[in-house]
C-alpha atoms as a PDB file:
ATOM      1  CA  MET A   1      -9.599 -28.841  65.207  1.00  0.00           C
ATOM      2  CA  LYS A   2      -9.566 -26.947  61.898  1.00  0.00           C
ATOM      3  CA  LYS A   3      -6.348 -26.207  60.081  1.00  0.00           C
ATOM      4  CA  ASN A   4      -5.778 -22.881  58.342  1.00  0.00           C
ATOM      5  CA  LEU A   5      -4.705 -23.627  54.790  1.00  0.00           C
ATOM      6  CA  ALA A   6      -2.779 -20.893  53.046  1.00  0.00           C
ATOM      7  CA  GLY A   7      -3.607 -20.505  49.360  1.00  0.00           C
ATOM      8  CA  PHE A   8      -5.566 -18.633  46.772  1.00  0.00           C
ATOM      9  CA  THR A   9      -9.248 -18.848  46.105  1.00  0.00           C
ATOM     10  CA  LEU A  10     -10.610 -19.529  42.646  1.00  0.00           C
ATOM     11  CA  PRO A  11     -11.864 -15.928  42.110  1.00  0.00           C
ATOM     12  CA  GLU A  12      -8.403 -14.569  43.006  1.00  0.00           C
ATOM     13  CA  LEU A  13      -6.729 -16.882  40.485  1.00  0.00           C
ATOM     14  CA  ILE A  14      -9.206 -15.902  37.750  1.00  0.00           C
ATOM     15  CA  VAL A  15      -8.584 -12.176  38.359  1.00  0.00           C
ATOM     16  CA  VAL A  16      -4.789 -12.606  38.248  1.00  0.00           C
ATOM     17  CA  LEU A  17      -4.958 -14.713  35.063  1.00  0.00           C
ATOM     18  CA  GLY A  18      -7.273 -12.142  33.467  1.00  0.00           C
ATOM     19  CA  ILE A  19      -4.841  -9.317  34.216  1.00  0.00           C
ATOM     20  CA  LEU A  20      -1.940 -11.357  32.784  1.00  0.00           C
ATOM     21  CA  MET A  21      -3.898 -12.083  29.602  1.00  0.00           C
ATOM     22  CA  ILE A  22      -4.681  -8.385  29.106  1.00  0.00           C
ATOM     23  CA  LEU A  23      -1.012  -7.444  29.562  1.00  0.00           C
ATOM     24  CA  LEU A  24       0.088 -10.185  27.153  1.00  0.00           C
ATOM     25  CA  SER A  25      -2.377  -9.101  24.469  1.00  0.00           C
ATOM     26  CA  LEU A  26      -1.275  -5.447  24.726  1.00  0.00           C
ATOM     27  CA  SER A  27       2.404  -6.356  24.398  1.00  0.00           C
ATOM     28  CA  THR A  28       1.682  -8.608  21.393  1.00  0.00           C
ATOM     29  CA  VAL A  29      -0.127  -5.798  19.579  1.00  0.00           C
ATOM     30  CA  ASN A  30       2.796  -3.442  20.232  1.00  0.00           C
ATOM     31  CA  LEU A  31       5.322  -6.003  18.984  1.00  0.00           C
ATOM     32  CA  LEU A  32       3.367  -6.576  15.762  1.00  0.00           C
ATOM     33  CA  THR A  33       3.249  -2.817  15.121  1.00  0.00           C
ATOM     34  CA  ILE A  34       7.007  -2.540  15.625  1.00  0.00           C
ATOM     35  CA  TYR A  35       7.571  -5.504  13.274  1.00  0.00           C
ATOM     36  CA  GLY A  36       5.424  -3.886  10.574  1.00  0.00           C
ATOM     37  CA  LYS A  37       7.318  -0.596  10.745  1.00  0.00           C
ATOM     38  CA  THR A  38      10.679  -2.361  10.747  1.00  0.00           C
ATOM     39  CA  SER A  39       9.682  -4.514   7.775  1.00  0.00           C
ATOM     40  CA  LEU A  40       8.604  -1.447   5.796  1.00  0.00           C
ATOM     41  CA  SER A  41      11.733   0.509   6.678  1.00  0.00           C
ATOM     42  CA  THR A  42      14.032  -2.394   5.807  1.00  0.00           C
ATOM     43  CA  LYS A  43      12.418  -3.046   2.420  1.00  0.00           C
ATOM     44  CA  THR A  44      12.507   0.669   1.583  1.00  0.00           C
ATOM     45  CA  SER A  45      16.243   0.711   2.351  1.00  0.00           C
ATOM     46  CA  ILE A  46      16.795  -2.320   0.109  1.00  0.00           C
ATOM     47  CA  LEU A  47      14.772  -0.686  -2.691  1.00  0.00           C
ATOM     48  CA  ILE A  48      16.845   2.506  -2.438  1.00  0.00           C
ATOM     49  CA  SER A  49      20.038   0.447  -2.568  1.00  0.00           C
ATOM     50  CA  ASP A  50      18.820  -1.366  -5.697  1.00  0.00           C
ATOM     51  CA  ILE A  51      17.853   1.927  -7.367  1.00  0.00           C
ATOM     52  CA  LYS A  52      21.321   3.354  -6.650  1.00  0.00           C
ATOM     53  CA  GLN A  53      22.958   0.161  -7.926  1.00  0.00           C
ATOM     54  CA  GLN A  54      21.050   0.341 -11.226  1.00  0.00           C
ATOM     55  CA  GLN A  55      21.971   4.014 -11.595  1.00  0.00           C
ATOM     56  CA  LEU A  56      25.627   3.281 -10.882  1.00  0.00           C
ATOM     57  CA  LYS A  57      25.689   0.473 -13.467  1.00  0.00           C
ATOM     58  CA  SER A  58      24.330   2.936 -16.046  1.00  0.00           C
ATOM     59  CA  MET A  59      26.888   5.582 -15.166  1.00  0.00           C
ATOM     60  CA  LEU A  60      29.864   3.211 -15.203  1.00  0.00           C
ATOM     61  CA  GLY A  61      28.823   1.457 -18.397  1.00  0.00           C
ATOM     62  CA  ASP A  62      28.586  -1.998 -16.810  1.00  0.00           C
ATOM     63  CA  THR A  63      28.255  -4.552 -19.604  1.00  0.00           C
ATOM     64  CA  GLU A  64      27.385  -7.582 -17.443  1.00  0.00           C
ATOM     65  CA  GLY A  65      29.472  -9.768 -19.753  1.00  0.00           C
ATOM     66  CA  GLU A  66      28.082  -8.379 -23.010  1.00  0.00           C
ATOM     67  CA  THR A  67      29.998  -6.325 -25.550  1.00  0.00           C
ATOM     68  CA  LEU A  68      28.139  -3.017 -25.217  1.00  0.00           C
ATOM     69  CA  ALA A  69      27.176  -0.903 -22.221  1.00  0.00           C
ATOM     70  CA  ASP A  70      23.502  -0.027 -21.875  1.00  0.00           C
ATOM     71  CA  SER A  71      20.950   1.716 -19.690  1.00  0.00           C
ATOM     72  CA  TYR A  72      19.568   0.035 -16.569  1.00  0.00           C
ATOM     73  CA  GLY A  73      16.219   0.323 -14.876  1.00  0.00           C
ATOM     74  CA  ILE A  74      13.637  -0.915 -12.421  1.00  0.00           C
ATOM     75  CA  TYR A  75      10.116  -2.061 -13.255  1.00  0.00           C
ATOM     76  CA  PHE A  76       7.449  -1.996 -10.517  1.00  0.00           C
ATOM     77  CA  GLU A  77       4.558  -4.388 -10.018  1.00  0.00           C
ATOM     78  CA  GLN A  78       2.226  -4.468  -7.019  1.00  0.00           C
ATOM     79  CA  ASN A  79       4.041  -7.253  -5.152  1.00  0.00           C
ATOM     80  CA  ARG A  80       7.564  -7.096  -6.602  1.00  0.00           C
ATOM     81  CA  TYR A  81      10.060  -5.078  -8.577  1.00  0.00           C
ATOM     82  CA  ILE A  82      12.330  -6.188 -11.377  1.00  0.00           C
ATOM     83  CA  LEU A  83      15.860  -5.010 -12.158  1.00  0.00           C
ATOM     84  CA  PHE A  84      16.493  -4.940 -15.898  1.00  0.00           C
ATOM     85  CA  LYS A  85      19.037  -3.901 -18.501  1.00  0.00           C
ATOM     86  CA  GLY A  86      18.083  -1.790 -21.523  1.00  0.00           C
ATOM     87  CA  THR A  87      16.047   1.268 -22.357  1.00  0.00           C
ATOM     88  CA  SER A  88      12.738  -0.396 -21.443  1.00  0.00           C
ATOM     89  CA  TYR A  89      11.460  -3.389 -19.507  1.00  0.00           C
ATOM     90  CA  SER A  90      10.932  -6.631 -21.406  1.00  0.00           C
ATOM     91  CA  ALA A  91       9.219  -9.432 -19.490  1.00  0.00           C
ATOM     92  CA  SER A  92      10.864 -12.086 -21.681  1.00  0.00           C
ATOM     93  CA  ASP A  93      14.461 -10.998 -20.987  1.00  0.00           C
ATOM     94  CA  PRO A  94      16.212 -13.839 -19.103  1.00  0.00           C
ATOM     95  CA  LEU A  95      18.627 -11.358 -17.474  1.00  0.00           C
ATOM     96  CA  ASN A  96      15.824  -9.683 -15.484  1.00  0.00           C
ATOM     97  CA  PHE A  97      16.126 -10.075 -11.735  1.00  0.00           C
ATOM     98  CA  ALA A  98      12.877 -10.028  -9.735  1.00  0.00           C
ATOM     99  CA  LEU A  99      12.685  -9.178  -6.036  1.00  0.00           C
ATOM    100  CA  ASN A 100       9.441 -10.129  -4.294  1.00  0.00           C
ATOM    101  CA  LEU A 101       7.985  -8.142  -1.412  1.00  0.00           C
ATOM    102  CA  GLU A 102       6.897  -9.754   1.847  1.00  0.00           C
ATOM    103  CA  SER A 103       3.218 -10.692   1.983  1.00  0.00           C
ATOM    104  CA  ASP A 104       2.301  -7.660   4.112  1.00  0.00           C
ATOM    105  CA  LEU A 105       3.961  -5.130   1.760  1.00  0.00           C
ATOM    106  CA  GLN A 106       2.863  -3.815  -1.613  1.00  0.00           C
ATOM    107  CA  PHE A 107       3.568  -0.990  -4.006  1.00  0.00           C
ATOM    108  CA  SER A 108       0.843   1.573  -4.541  1.00  0.00           C
ATOM    109  CA  ASN A 109       0.689   4.889  -6.313  1.00  0.00           C
ATOM    110  CA  ILE A 110       3.366   4.041  -8.891  1.00  0.00           C
ATOM    111  CA  THR A 111       3.548   7.254 -10.909  1.00  0.00           C
ATOM    112  CA  PHE A 112       6.614   6.469 -13.040  1.00  0.00           C
ATOM    113  CA  PRO A 113       5.781   6.245 -16.754  1.00  0.00           C
ATOM    114  CA  GLN A 114       4.993   2.612 -17.667  1.00  0.00           C
ATOM    115  CA  SER A 115       5.765   1.759 -14.004  1.00  0.00           C
ATOM    116  CA  GLN A 116       9.499   1.909 -14.652  1.00  0.00           C
ATOM    117  CA  ILE A 117      12.570   3.996 -13.954  1.00  0.00           C
ATOM    118  CA  VAL A 118      15.314   3.932 -16.590  1.00  0.00           C
ATOM    119  CA  PHE A 119      18.732   5.482 -15.991  1.00  0.00           C
ATOM    120  CA  SER A 120      20.498   6.841 -19.078  1.00  0.00           C
ATOM    121  CA  GLN A 121      23.759   5.165 -19.982  1.00  0.00           C
ATOM    122  CA  GLY A 122      26.735   7.366 -19.092  1.00  0.00           C
ATOM    123  CA  SER A 123      24.988  10.165 -17.202  1.00  0.00           C
ATOM    124  CA  GLY A 124      22.788   8.106 -14.853  1.00  0.00           C
ATOM    125  CA  GLU A 125      19.945  10.623 -15.220  1.00  0.00           C
ATOM    126  CA  VAL A 126      16.362   9.406 -15.231  1.00  0.00           C
ATOM    127  CA  ALA A 127      15.383   8.964 -18.886  1.00  0.00           C
ATOM    128  CA  GLY A 128      12.188  10.774 -19.882  1.00  0.00           C
ATOM    129  CA  TYR A 129      11.889  12.471 -16.500  1.00  0.00           C
ATOM    130  CA  THR A 130       8.623  14.272 -15.718  1.00  0.00           C
ATOM    131  CA  SER A 131       8.391  16.111 -12.394  1.00  0.00           C
ATOM    132  CA  ASP A 132       4.872  14.918 -11.522  1.00  0.00           C
ATOM    133  CA  LEU A 133       5.617  11.301 -12.470  1.00  0.00           C
ATOM    134  CA  ASP A 134       8.479  10.497 -10.122  1.00  0.00           C
ATOM    135  CA  THR A 135       7.207   8.566  -7.078  1.00  0.00           C
ATOM    136  CA  VAL A 136       6.369   5.099  -5.833  1.00  0.00           C
ATOM    137  CA  THR A 137       4.778   4.309  -2.469  1.00  0.00           C
ATOM    138  CA  LEU A 138       5.543   1.194  -0.449  1.00  0.00           C
ATOM    139  CA  THR A 139       2.715   0.332   1.961  1.00  0.00           C
ATOM    140  CA  ASN A 140       2.381  -2.138   4.810  1.00  0.00           C
ATOM    141  CA  ILE A 141      -1.191  -3.376   4.354  1.00  0.00           C
ATOM    142  CA  ARG A 142      -1.466  -4.609   7.971  1.00  0.00           C
ATOM    143  CA  THR A 143      -0.402  -1.405   9.714  1.00  0.00           C
ATOM    144  CA  SER A 144      -1.333   1.087   6.939  1.00  0.00           C
ATOM    145  CA  ASP A 145       2.128   2.654   7.272  1.00  0.00           C
ATOM    146  CA  SER A 146       3.716   3.805   4.050  1.00  0.00           C
ATOM    147  CA  GLN A 147       6.869   5.385   2.681  1.00  0.00           C
ATOM    148  CA  THR A 148       7.061   7.222  -0.619  1.00  0.00           C
ATOM    149  CA  VAL A 149      10.263   7.148  -2.651  1.00  0.00           C
ATOM    150  CA  GLU A 150      10.714  10.154  -4.944  1.00  0.00           C
ATOM    151  CA  LEU A 151      13.453  10.640  -7.558  1.00  0.00           C
ATOM    152  CA  ASN A 152      14.514  13.842  -9.216  1.00  0.00           C
ATOM    153  CA  ARG A 153      15.845  14.034 -12.782  1.00  0.00           C
ATOM    154  CA  TYR A 154      19.390  13.236 -11.604  1.00  0.00           C
ATOM    155  CA  GLY A 155      18.325  10.156  -9.646  1.00  0.00           C
ATOM    156  CA  VAL A 156      18.594  11.746  -6.209  1.00  0.00           C
ATOM    157  CA  ILE A 157      16.270   9.881  -3.862  1.00  0.00           C
ATOM    158  CA  ILE A 158      13.992  11.449  -1.266  1.00  0.00           C
ATOM    159  CA  VAL A 159      11.966   9.279   1.153  1.00  0.00           C
ATOM    160  CA  VAL A 160       8.738  10.733   2.534  1.00  0.00           C
ATOM    161  CA  ASN A 161       7.004   9.030   5.469  1.00  0.00           C
END
């Protein structure tokens, strides 16, 4: 007498596993895209905060422990930006503070003169402002998403997606 065994055949198991693998791969791709956009948005927010902080230091006359107040600025490189004190960036200044970007982010299309923004001491206006030279673009190289940060002469920030 033969017994009926309940179970799945090998072709049925292969089809089910194939469907699960396809669903898993689609969800992974979607999660990586969301991570890339979130990473870009977060770093742009941090950059804007740092720009506003440098402008505020210039306006308030922050001396950072020195005797005289000065201008403050930000210098851009492809994979990082540097906060500095003074009317221009000096790579040898030990007071510079560098912030590195994540490996999937980079600056492109830096149109600021000498790749730097300097805020005038007292007023907080962008020193040497030129209307066509007032943007920097932050790009996620994996997802090709980008956000452009634009400043006007008074340091007001506009973000363009």
